[in-house]
Amino acid sequence: MNPYDFSPLGENLEYMAFDLFRSWTSEVKRKRPGKNLVIRDESLLVSDLHGSLTSALDALIREGSGKGMDWQVHYFYGFLSSNLNYVWCNEYLHKQSNEYRMIVMLQSLQKYMIFHEQARYETGDIYFRDLEDHINIQDYEKEILATLEAVQLQLEIPFIRKIQNTMDHPVLTCLDNIITEKINDFAERETDRYFSDLSVFISDDSVRTCLALNNIPSGRGGYTSS
């Protein structure tokens, strides 16, 4: 259950979520025509709004305690618009990119190898043999053979390692590292802003009432110095 009461912001947050998303998509279409923004599950928009509202009040407790009410209202609008914009940019814009498709492809291959022992065997075999064939280092072949022999000692089938942690497999480890790097790069993508004035959807008075109802401490004045 959500720890906060958002009822002062409106009787129906579902309608608010849909209105906010329509406003956001209108701005996206204006700046980036041709994007497909027809979604399958509109209930996710409501979850996104609830999550962003909750994060906004959490942030106000951390950052805005004792600040003036005007400052808190301004902060609330800024945090909510930035958070929703970030979530929707990732979900409805960035996930249409080739970079995201590549991540999903790699994750699919990773899952296949995790759940199929024969696939791990075959890729591991190819990996070790390619190392043997393509590295022109004295005695490197002996090192590879020694590795394969050590693996064979653990198994009844050549070159298959029945290991507790599947990610110890060299190819899976490499896949995991590549996926992690691509996810980090994806998360750091810059996002344009597609929201303008949220006060069109949420009034200043309703925000003040919401903050008071949820016991967000504030100072008496308006804007205060940090």
C-alpha atoms as a PDB file:
ATOM      1  CA  MET A   1       0.000   0.000   0.000  1.00  0.00           C
ATOM      2  CA  ASN A   2       1.236   3.486  -0.869  1.00  0.00           C
ATOM      3  CA  PRO A   3       2.335   5.376   2.277  1.00  0.00           C
ATOM      4  CA  TYR A   4       0.981   8.685   0.953  1.00  0.00           C
ATOM      5  CA  ASP A   5      -2.494  10.106   0.371  1.00  0.00           C
ATOM      6  CA  PHE A   6      -2.745  11.764  -3.039  1.00  0.00           C
ATOM      7  CA  SER A   7      -6.488  12.461  -2.903  1.00  0.00           C
ATOM      8  CA  PRO A   8      -6.034  16.286  -2.747  1.00  0.00           C
ATOM      9  CA  LEU A   9      -4.467  16.165  -6.214  1.00  0.00           C
ATOM     10  CA  GLY A  10      -7.677  14.968  -7.843  1.00  0.00           C
ATOM     11  CA  GLU A  11     -10.531  12.535  -7.527  1.00  0.00           C
ATOM     12  CA  ASN A  12      -9.251  10.293 -10.294  1.00  0.00           C
ATOM     13  CA  LEU A  13      -5.517   9.900 -10.808  1.00  0.00           C
ATOM     14  CA  GLU A  14      -6.204   7.580 -13.750  1.00  0.00           C
ATOM     15  CA  TYR A  15      -7.616  10.444 -15.790  1.00  0.00           C
ATOM     16  CA  MET A  16      -4.720  12.631 -14.700  1.00  0.00           C
ATOM     17  CA  ALA A  17      -2.205  10.007 -15.848  1.00  0.00           C
ATOM     18  CA  PHE A  18      -3.903   9.752 -19.246  1.00  0.00           C
ATOM     19  CA  ASP A  19      -4.056  13.542 -19.632  1.00  0.00           C
ATOM     20  CA  LEU A  20      -0.388  13.881 -18.682  1.00  0.00           C
ATOM     21  CA  PHE A  21       0.591  11.190 -21.164  1.00  0.00           C
ATOM     22  CA  ARG A  22      -1.429  12.819 -23.947  1.00  0.00           C
ATOM     23  CA  SER A  23       0.313  16.107 -23.227  1.00  0.00           C
ATOM     24  CA  TRP A  24       3.700  14.370 -23.212  1.00  0.00           C
ATOM     25  CA  THR A  25       3.041  12.501 -26.471  1.00  0.00           C
ATOM     26  CA  SER A  26       1.825  15.682 -28.168  1.00  0.00           C
ATOM     27  CA  GLU A  27       5.121  17.364 -27.405  1.00  0.00           C
ATOM     28  CA  VAL A  28       7.077  14.277 -28.510  1.00  0.00           C
ATOM     29  CA  LYS A  29       5.220  14.179 -31.835  1.00  0.00           C
ATOM     30  CA  ARG A  30       5.906  17.875 -32.336  1.00  0.00           C
ATOM     31  CA  LYS A  31       9.643  17.465 -31.736  1.00  0.00           C
ATOM     32  CA  ARG A  32      10.087  13.934 -33.094  1.00  0.00           C
ATOM     33  CA  PRO A  33       7.439  13.231 -35.734  1.00  0.00           C
ATOM     34  CA  GLY A  34       6.989   9.639 -36.844  1.00  0.00           C
ATOM     35  CA  LYS A  35       7.445   7.978 -33.439  1.00  0.00           C
ATOM     36  CA  ASN A  36       5.024   5.159 -32.635  1.00  0.00           C
ATOM     37  CA  LEU A  37       3.422   6.064 -29.309  1.00  0.00           C
ATOM     38  CA  VAL A  38       0.388   3.757 -29.344  1.00  0.00           C
ATOM     39  CA  ILE A  39       0.673   1.728 -26.126  1.00  0.00           C
ATOM     40  CA  ARG A  40      -0.884  -1.614 -25.188  1.00  0.00           C
ATOM     41  CA  ASP A  41      -1.491  -1.288 -21.449  1.00  0.00           C
ATOM     42  CA  GLU A  42      -2.672   2.125 -20.243  1.00  0.00           C
ATOM     43  CA  SER A  43      -2.744   0.958 -16.612  1.00  0.00           C
ATOM     44  CA  LEU A  44       1.052   1.249 -16.610  1.00  0.00           C
ATOM     45  CA  LEU A  45       0.652   5.015 -16.982  1.00  0.00           C
ATOM     46  CA  VAL A  46      -1.252   5.113 -13.684  1.00  0.00           C
ATOM     47  CA  SER A  47       1.488   3.061 -12.005  1.00  0.00           C
ATOM     48  CA  ASP A  48       4.097   5.439 -13.418  1.00  0.00           C
ATOM     49  CA  LEU A  49       2.239   8.451 -12.024  1.00  0.00           C
ATOM     50  CA  HIS A  50       1.842   6.857  -8.589  1.00  0.00           C
ATOM     51  CA  GLY A  51       5.524   5.946  -8.573  1.00  0.00           C
ATOM     52  CA  SER A  52       6.611   9.436  -9.552  1.00  0.00           C
ATOM     53  CA  LEU A  53       4.315  11.081  -6.985  1.00  0.00           C
ATOM     54  CA  THR A  54       5.679   8.796  -4.279  1.00  0.00           C
ATOM     55  CA  SER A  55       9.262   9.562  -5.302  1.00  0.00           C
ATOM     56  CA  ALA A  56       8.487  13.297  -5.293  1.00  0.00           C
ATOM     57  CA  LEU A  57       7.264  13.224  -1.694  1.00  0.00           C
ATOM     58  CA  ASP A  58      10.157  10.969  -0.653  1.00  0.00           C
ATOM     59  CA  ALA A  59      12.558  13.501  -2.189  1.00  0.00           C
ATOM     60  CA  LEU A  60      10.804  16.410  -0.462  1.00  0.00           C
ATOM     61  CA  ILE A  61      11.236  14.718   2.902  1.00  0.00           C
ATOM     62  CA  ARG A  62      14.956  14.307   2.176  1.00  0.00           C
ATOM     63  CA  GLU A  63      15.665  17.603   0.445  1.00  0.00           C
ATOM     64  CA  GLY A  64      12.895  20.043   1.328  1.00  0.00           C
ATOM     65  CA  SER A  65      12.239  19.585   5.007  1.00  0.00           C
ATOM     66  CA  GLY A  66      11.894  23.004   6.591  1.00  0.00           C
ATOM     67  CA  LYS A  67      11.959  24.848   3.261  1.00  0.00           C
ATOM     68  CA  GLY A  68       9.215  27.354   2.472  1.00  0.00           C
ATOM     69  CA  MET A  69       5.953  26.035   1.029  1.00  0.00           C
ATOM     70  CA  ASP A  70       6.420  27.924  -2.254  1.00  0.00           C
ATOM     71  CA  TRP A  71       9.832  26.301  -2.655  1.00  0.00           C
ATOM     72  CA  GLN A  72       8.339  22.883  -1.957  1.00  0.00           C
ATOM     73  CA  VAL A  73       5.534  23.346  -4.479  1.00  0.00           C
ATOM     74  CA  HIS A  74       8.049  24.425  -7.130  1.00  0.00           C
ATOM     75  CA  TYR A  75      10.281  21.453  -6.270  1.00  0.00           C
ATOM     76  CA  PHE A  76       7.285  19.086  -6.445  1.00  0.00           C
ATOM     77  CA  TYR A  77       6.401  20.217  -9.969  1.00  0.00           C
ATOM     78  CA  GLY A  78       9.989  20.005 -11.136  1.00  0.00           C
ATOM     79  CA  PHE A  79      10.624  16.572  -9.659  1.00  0.00           C
ATOM     80  CA  LEU A  80       7.346  15.102 -10.909  1.00  0.00           C
ATOM     81  CA  SER A  81       7.796  16.352 -14.473  1.00  0.00           C
ATOM     82  CA  SER A  82      11.453  15.250 -14.632  1.00  0.00           C
ATOM     83  CA  ASN A  83      10.725  11.812 -13.194  1.00  0.00           C
ATOM     84  CA  LEU A  84       7.732  11.085 -15.425  1.00  0.00           C
ATOM     85  CA  ASN A  85       9.627  12.384 -18.447  1.00  0.00           C
ATOM     86  CA  TYR A  86      12.592  10.116 -17.655  1.00  0.00           C
ATOM     87  CA  VAL A  87      10.377   7.046 -17.179  1.00  0.00           C
ATOM     88  CA  TRP A  88       8.369   7.634 -20.340  1.00  0.00           C
ATOM     89  CA  CYS A  89      11.409   8.507 -22.456  1.00  0.00           C
ATOM     90  CA  ASN A  90      13.016   5.218 -21.487  1.00  0.00           C
ATOM     91  CA  GLU A  91       9.846   3.179 -21.934  1.00  0.00           C
ATOM     92  CA  TYR A  92       8.381   4.709 -25.082  1.00  0.00           C
ATOM     93  CA  LEU A  93      11.301   6.299 -26.919  1.00  0.00           C
ATOM     94  CA  HIS A  94      14.591   4.666 -25.994  1.00  0.00           C
ATOM     95  CA  LYS A  95      13.173   1.146 -26.118  1.00  0.00           C
ATOM     96  CA  GLN A  96      12.435   1.684 -29.804  1.00  0.00           C
ATOM     97  CA  SER A  97      16.162   2.105 -30.439  1.00  0.00           C
ATOM     98  CA  ASN A  98      18.481  -0.438 -32.034  1.00  0.00           C
ATOM     99  CA  GLU A  99      20.619  -0.257 -28.881  1.00  0.00           C
ATOM    100  CA  TYR A 100      17.770  -1.599 -26.765  1.00  0.00           C
ATOM    101  CA  ARG A 101      16.966  -4.329 -29.301  1.00  0.00           C
ATOM    102  CA  MET A 102      20.607  -5.399 -29.114  1.00  0.00           C
ATOM    103  CA  ILE A 103      20.379  -5.685 -25.318  1.00  0.00           C
ATOM    104  CA  VAL A 104      17.277  -7.888 -25.596  1.00  0.00           C
ATOM    105  CA  MET A 105      18.944 -10.060 -28.248  1.00  0.00           C
ATOM    106  CA  LEU A 106      21.984 -10.600 -26.051  1.00  0.00           C
ATOM    107  CA  GLN A 107      19.807 -11.338 -23.014  1.00  0.00           C
ATOM    108  CA  SER A 108      17.842 -13.880 -25.063  1.00  0.00           C
ATOM    109  CA  LEU A 109      21.055 -15.639 -26.056  1.00  0.00           C
ATOM    110  CA  GLN A 110      22.235 -15.533 -22.437  1.00  0.00           C
ATOM    111  CA  LYS A 111      18.996 -17.112 -21.175  1.00  0.00           C
ATOM    112  CA  TYR A 112      19.144 -19.793 -23.836  1.00  0.00           C
ATOM    113  CA  MET A 113      22.643 -20.783 -22.796  1.00  0.00           C
ATOM    114  CA  ILE A 114      21.764 -20.736 -19.082  1.00  0.00           C
ATOM    115  CA  PHE A 115      18.827 -23.090 -19.551  1.00  0.00           C
ATOM    116  CA  HIS A 116      20.385 -25.408 -22.179  1.00  0.00           C
ATOM    117  CA  GLU A 117      23.427 -27.357 -21.069  1.00  0.00           C
ATOM    118  CA  GLN A 118      24.172 -28.618 -24.574  1.00  0.00           C
ATOM    119  CA  ALA A 119      24.399 -25.029 -25.812  1.00  0.00           C
ATOM    120  CA  ARG A 120      26.895 -24.235 -23.056  1.00  0.00           C
ATOM    121  CA  TYR A 121      28.906 -27.299 -24.010  1.00  0.00           C
ATOM    122  CA  GLU A 122      29.009 -26.450 -27.690  1.00  0.00           C
ATOM    123  CA  THR A 123      29.873 -22.767 -27.273  1.00  0.00           C
ATOM    124  CA  GLY A 124      32.489 -23.589 -24.646  1.00  0.00           C
ATOM    125  CA  ASP A 125      34.033 -26.156 -26.986  1.00  0.00           C
ATOM    126  CA  ILE A 126      34.094 -23.676 -29.881  1.00  0.00           C
ATOM    127  CA  TYR A 127      35.546 -20.960 -27.632  1.00  0.00           C
ATOM    128  CA  PHE A 128      38.454 -23.100 -26.410  1.00  0.00           C
ATOM    129  CA  ARG A 129      39.215 -24.493 -29.867  1.00  0.00           C
ATOM    130  CA  ASP A 130      39.136 -21.014 -31.446  1.00  0.00           C
ATOM    131  CA  LEU A 131      41.607 -19.825 -28.828  1.00  0.00           C
ATOM    132  CA  GLU A 132      43.831 -22.750 -29.703  1.00  0.00           C
ATOM    133  CA  ASP A 133      43.591 -22.057 -33.447  1.00  0.00           C
ATOM    134  CA  HIS A 134      43.983 -18.270 -33.453  1.00  0.00           C
ATOM    135  CA  ILE A 135      46.607 -17.486 -30.828  1.00  0.00           C
ATOM    136  CA  ASN A 136      50.187 -17.875 -32.001  1.00  0.00           C
ATOM    137  CA  ILE A 137      51.832 -18.232 -28.596  1.00  0.00           C
ATOM    138  CA  GLN A 138      54.391 -20.885 -27.661  1.00  0.00           C
ATOM    139  CA  ASP A 139      52.848 -23.613 -25.492  1.00  0.00           C
ATOM    140  CA  TYR A 140      49.474 -21.837 -25.478  1.00  0.00           C
ATOM    141  CA  GLU A 141      47.954 -25.021 -26.872  1.00  0.00           C
ATOM    142  CA  LYS A 142      49.186 -26.869 -23.765  1.00  0.00           C
ATOM    143  CA  GLU A 143      47.489 -24.304 -21.548  1.00  0.00           C
ATOM    144  CA  ILE A 144      44.212 -24.780 -23.412  1.00  0.00           C
ATOM    145  CA  LEU A 145      44.501 -28.552 -23.269  1.00  0.00           C
ATOM    146  CA  ALA A 146      45.260 -28.381 -19.567  1.00  0.00           C
ATOM    147  CA  THR A 147      42.125 -26.305 -19.078  1.00  0.00           C
ATOM    148  CA  LEU A 148      40.062 -28.829 -21.028  1.00  0.00           C
ATOM    149  CA  GLU A 149      41.525 -31.725 -19.061  1.00  0.00           C
ATOM    150  CA  ALA A 150      40.684 -29.984 -15.784  1.00  0.00           C
ATOM    151  CA  VAL A 151      37.143 -29.555 -17.024  1.00  0.00           C
ATOM    152  CA  GLN A 152      36.921 -33.210 -18.055  1.00  0.00           C
ATOM    153  CA  LEU A 153      37.863 -34.339 -14.547  1.00  0.00           C
ATOM    154  CA  GLN A 154      34.636 -32.800 -13.243  1.00  0.00           C
ATOM    155  CA  LEU A 155      32.397 -34.415 -15.863  1.00  0.00           C
ATOM    156  CA  GLU A 156      31.529 -37.603 -17.590  1.00  0.00           C
ATOM    157  CA  ILE A 157      31.038 -35.766 -20.879  1.00  0.00           C
ATOM    158  CA  PRO A 158      34.058 -33.987 -22.448  1.00  0.00           C
ATOM    159  CA  PHE A 159      34.246 -30.220 -22.204  1.00  0.00           C
ATOM    160  CA  ILE A 160      30.997 -29.762 -20.209  1.00  0.00           C
ATOM    161  CA  ARG A 161      31.314 -28.170 -16.788  1.00  0.00           C
ATOM    162  CA  LYS A 162      28.500 -28.897 -14.368  1.00  0.00           C
ATOM    163  CA  ILE A 163      29.149 -25.824 -12.284  1.00  0.00           C
ATOM    164  CA  GLN A 164      27.161 -24.332  -9.443  1.00  0.00           C
ATOM    165  CA  ASN A 165      27.288 -20.838 -10.909  1.00  0.00           C
ATOM    166  CA  THR A 166      26.448 -21.004 -14.604  1.00  0.00           C
ATOM    167  CA  MET A 167      27.980 -17.568 -15.158  1.00  0.00           C
ATOM    168  CA  ASP A 168      31.433 -19.098 -14.550  1.00  0.00           C
ATOM    169  CA  HIS A 169      31.214 -20.271 -18.169  1.00  0.00           C
ATOM    170  CA  PRO A 170      33.665 -18.065 -20.129  1.00  0.00           C
ATOM    171  CA  VAL A 171      31.236 -17.223 -22.941  1.00  0.00           C
ATOM    172  CA  LEU A 172      28.415 -16.488 -20.488  1.00  0.00           C
ATOM    173  CA  THR A 173      30.729 -14.307 -18.430  1.00  0.00           C
ATOM    174  CA  CYS A 174      31.632 -12.351 -21.555  1.00  0.00           C
ATOM    175  CA  LEU A 175      27.947 -12.015 -22.500  1.00  0.00           C
ATOM    176  CA  ASP A 176      27.109 -10.806 -19.012  1.00  0.00           C
ATOM    177  CA  ASN A 177      29.845  -8.169 -19.134  1.00  0.00           C
ATOM    178  CA  ILE A 178      28.714  -6.917 -22.553  1.00  0.00           C
ATOM    179  CA  ILE A 179      25.063  -6.758 -21.454  1.00  0.00           C
ATOM    180  CA  THR A 180      25.977  -4.888 -18.264  1.00  0.00           C
ATOM    181  CA  GLU A 181      28.054  -2.370 -20.210  1.00  0.00           C
ATOM    182  CA  LYS A 182      25.282  -1.794 -22.760  1.00  0.00           C
ATOM    183  CA  ILE A 183      22.631  -1.404 -20.030  1.00  0.00           C
ATOM    184  CA  ASN A 184      24.809   1.176 -18.261  1.00  0.00           C
ATOM    185  CA  ASP A 185      25.288   3.081 -21.526  1.00  0.00           C
ATOM    186  CA  PHE A 186      21.552   2.876 -22.193  1.00  0.00           C
ATOM    187  CA  ALA A 187      20.683   4.203 -18.729  1.00  0.00           C
ATOM    188  CA  GLU A 188      23.001   7.194 -19.250  1.00  0.00           C
ATOM    189  CA  ARG A 189      21.346   8.319 -22.474  1.00  0.00           C
ATOM    190  CA  GLU A 190      20.348  11.948 -22.455  1.00  0.00           C
ATOM    191  CA  THR A 191      16.636  12.673 -22.491  1.00  0.00           C
ATOM    192  CA  ASP A 192      14.905  15.697 -23.960  1.00  0.00           C
ATOM    193  CA  ARG A 193      12.169  17.353 -21.917  1.00  0.00           C
ATOM    194  CA  TYR A 194       8.630  16.930 -23.196  1.00  0.00           C
ATOM    195  CA  PHE A 195       6.702  18.504 -20.313  1.00  0.00           C
ATOM    196  CA  SER A 196       6.018  22.204 -19.877  1.00  0.00           C
ATOM    197  CA  ASP A 197       3.766  23.408 -17.043  1.00  0.00           C
ATOM    198  CA  LEU A 198       2.253  20.745 -14.775  1.00  0.00           C
ATOM    199  CA  SER A 199       0.189  23.362 -12.969  1.00  0.00           C
ATOM    200  CA  VAL A 200      -2.249  23.008 -15.871  1.00  0.00           C
ATOM    201  CA  PHE A 201      -3.057  19.549 -14.496  1.00  0.00           C
ATOM    202  CA  ILE A 202      -2.375  20.026 -10.759  1.00  0.00           C
ATOM    203  CA  SER A 203      -3.138  23.288  -8.965  1.00  0.00           C
ATOM    204  CA  ASP A 204      -0.745  24.919  -6.496  1.00  0.00           C
ATOM    205  CA  ASP A 205      -3.411  24.739  -3.780  1.00  0.00           C
ATOM    206  CA  SER A 206      -3.930  21.003  -4.259  1.00  0.00           C
ATOM    207  CA  VAL A 207      -0.175  20.433  -3.993  1.00  0.00           C
ATOM    208  CA  ARG A 208      -0.031  22.457  -0.759  1.00  0.00           C
ATOM    209  CA  THR A 209      -2.948  20.469   0.667  1.00  0.00           C
ATOM    210  CA  CYS A 210      -1.306  17.191  -0.350  1.00  0.00           C
ATOM    211  CA  LEU A 211       1.993  18.140   1.304  1.00  0.00           C
ATOM    212  CA  ALA A 212       0.229  19.196   4.497  1.00  0.00           C
ATOM    213  CA  LEU A 213      -1.944  16.065   4.574  1.00  0.00           C
ATOM    214  CA  ASN A 214       1.156  13.868   4.255  1.00  0.00           C
ATOM    215  CA  ASN A 215       3.000  15.799   6.984  1.00  0.00           C
ATOM    216  CA  ILE A 216       5.796  17.118   4.786  1.00  0.00           C
ATOM    217  CA  PRO A 217       7.470  19.637   7.139  1.00  0.00           C
ATOM    218  CA  SER A 218       7.920  23.128   5.754  1.00  0.00           C
ATOM    219  CA  GLY A 219       9.022  26.542   6.936  1.00  0.00           C
ATOM    220  CA  ARG A 220       6.590  29.388   7.288  1.00  0.00           C
ATOM    221  CA  GLY A 221       7.883  31.601   4.525  1.00  0.00           C
ATOM    222  CA  GLY A 222       7.970  31.298   0.785  1.00  0.00           C
ATOM    223  CA  TYR A 223      11.336  30.633  -0.852  1.00  0.00           C
ATOM    224  CA  THR A 224      14.161  30.130   1.633  1.00  0.00           C
ATOM    225  CA  SER A 225      17.880  30.090   1.098  1.00  0.00           C
ATOM    226  CA  SER A 226      19.509  26.685   1.077  1.00  0.00           C
END
